Each structure stands twice: as C-alpha cells, then as structure tokens.
C-alpha cells in the first residue's frame, strides 16, 4: 500500500532533520576539533543529504 502525502512529507521532514544535524556536526567538528575530523564527519553528512534530496525528488516535493 502506498503512503499518503502527509506520511511522505513527515518522512521527508525526518530525513531533513538527520541531514541537517549531521551537517551541523561535521561543521562543528571541523571548527572545534580539526579540519581532518570535519572532513571525515562530512562523508556521512553528504550521504544523508543525498538521501533526503533524492527522496524529495522522487516524491515530487518542491524545495
């Protein structure tokens, strides 16, 4: 059974929060610890951002 529009939007919101949180953590690690730590932390942040972007595009959600 397919999801309703509100369920898709809720899922997108959750994916966006994860992407934003991991990006903020990567920036904080880069500023507070070391640029190398920020670069390592940026890898999962980029992955989560890509998953969020792809989810929105597949479901026709505008930015």
C-alpha atoms as a PDB file:
ATOM      1  CA  UNK A   1       0.000   0.000   0.000  1.00  0.00           C
ATOM      2  CA  UNK A   2       1.332   3.429  -0.884  1.00  0.00           C
ATOM      3  CA  UNK A   3       1.909   6.188   1.615  1.00  0.00           C
ATOM      4  CA  UNK A   4      -0.302   9.237   1.937  1.00  0.00           C
ATOM      5  CA  UNK A   5       1.066  12.665   1.104  1.00  0.00           C
ATOM      6  CA  UNK A   6       1.283  13.635   4.769  1.00  0.00           C
ATOM      7  CA  UNK A   7       3.268  10.470   5.548  1.00  0.00           C
ATOM      8  CA  UNK A   8       5.687  11.256   2.725  1.00  0.00           C
ATOM      9  CA  UNK A   9       6.109  14.833   3.961  1.00  0.00           C
ATOM     10  CA  UNK A  10       6.676  13.604   7.516  1.00  0.00           C
ATOM     11  CA  UNK A  11       9.310  11.143   6.306  1.00  0.00           C
ATOM     12  CA  UNK A  12      10.973  13.923   4.323  1.00  0.00           C
ATOM     13  CA  UNK A  13      10.992  16.152   7.397  1.00  0.00           C
ATOM     14  CA  UNK A  14      12.704  13.411   9.433  1.00  0.00           C
ATOM     15  CA  UNK A  15      15.298  12.804   6.720  1.00  0.00           C
ATOM     16  CA  UNK A  16      15.942  16.549   6.533  1.00  0.00           C
ATOM     17  CA  UNK A  17      16.489  16.772  10.281  1.00  0.00           C
ATOM     18  CA  UNK A  18      19.011  13.920  10.151  1.00  0.00           C
ATOM     19  CA  UNK A  19      20.815  15.543   7.211  1.00  0.00           C
ATOM     20  CA  UNK A  20      20.901  18.956   8.894  1.00  0.00           C
ATOM     21  CA  UNK A  21      22.082  17.509  12.198  1.00  0.00           C
ATOM     22  CA  UNK A  22      24.892  15.526  10.626  1.00  0.00           C
ATOM     23  CA  UNK A  23      25.963  18.542   8.565  1.00  0.00           C
ATOM     24  CA  UNK A  24      25.994  20.754  11.659  1.00  0.00           C
ATOM     25  CA  UNK A  25      28.042  18.120  13.467  1.00  0.00           C
ATOM     26  CA  UNK A  26      30.538  17.965  10.612  1.00  0.00           C
ATOM     27  CA  UNK A  27      30.920  21.744  10.595  1.00  0.00           C
ATOM     28  CA  UNK A  28      31.313  21.815  14.380  1.00  0.00           C
ATOM     29  CA  UNK A  29      33.917  19.035  14.236  1.00  0.00           C
ATOM     30  CA  UNK A  30      35.814  20.913  11.555  1.00  0.00           C
ATOM     31  CA  UNK A  31      35.813  24.161  13.504  1.00  0.00           C
ATOM     32  CA  UNK A  32      36.312  22.868  17.038  1.00  0.00           C
ATOM     33  CA  UNK A  33      38.479  19.776  16.563  1.00  0.00           C
ATOM     34  CA  UNK A  34      40.385  19.768  13.307  1.00  0.00           C
ATOM     35  CA  UNK A  35      39.725  20.102   9.599  1.00  0.00           C
ATOM     36  CA  UNK A  36      40.505  16.407   9.158  1.00  0.00           C
ATOM     37  CA  UNK A  37      37.779  15.454  11.665  1.00  0.00           C
ATOM     38  CA  UNK A  38      35.363  17.741   9.837  1.00  0.00           C
ATOM     39  CA  UNK A  39      36.219  16.123   6.527  1.00  0.00           C
ATOM     40  CA  UNK A  40      35.660  12.641   7.945  1.00  0.00           C
ATOM     41  CA  UNK A  41      32.359  13.726   9.506  1.00  0.00           C
ATOM     42  CA  UNK A  42      31.288  15.314   6.211  1.00  0.00           C
ATOM     43  CA  UNK A  43      31.113  11.931   4.465  1.00  0.00           C
ATOM     44  CA  UNK A  44      28.010  10.651   6.313  1.00  0.00           C
ATOM     45  CA  UNK A  45      26.556  14.166   6.222  1.00  0.00           C
ATOM     46  CA  UNK A  46      26.799  14.184   2.433  1.00  0.00           C
ATOM     47  CA  UNK A  47      25.229  10.716   2.273  1.00  0.00           C
ATOM     48  CA  UNK A  48      22.250  11.727   4.424  1.00  0.00           C
ATOM     49  CA  UNK A  49      21.793  14.957   2.455  1.00  0.00           C
ATOM     50  CA  UNK A  50      21.817  12.983  -0.811  1.00  0.00           C
ATOM     51  CA  UNK A  51      19.222  10.526   0.545  1.00  0.00           C
ATOM     52  CA  UNK A  52      16.985  13.441   1.633  1.00  0.00           C
ATOM     53  CA  UNK A  53      17.379  15.218  -1.718  1.00  0.00           C
ATOM     54  CA  UNK A  54      16.636  12.020  -3.650  1.00  0.00           C
ATOM     55  CA  UNK A  55      13.562  11.256  -1.503  1.00  0.00           C
ATOM     56  CA  UNK A  56      12.142  14.729  -2.162  1.00  0.00           C
ATOM     57  CA  UNK A  57      12.811  14.481  -5.895  1.00  0.00           C
ATOM     58  CA  UNK A  58      11.242  11.015  -6.208  1.00  0.00           C
ATOM     59  CA  UNK A  59       8.099  12.129  -4.399  1.00  0.00           C
ATOM     60  CA  UNK A  60       7.688  15.428  -6.248  1.00  0.00           C
ATOM     61  CA  UNK A  61       8.261  17.630  -3.214  1.00  0.00           C
ATOM     62  CA  UNK A  62       9.433  21.119  -4.082  1.00  0.00           C
ATOM     63  CA  UNK A  63      12.320  22.797  -2.325  1.00  0.00           C
END
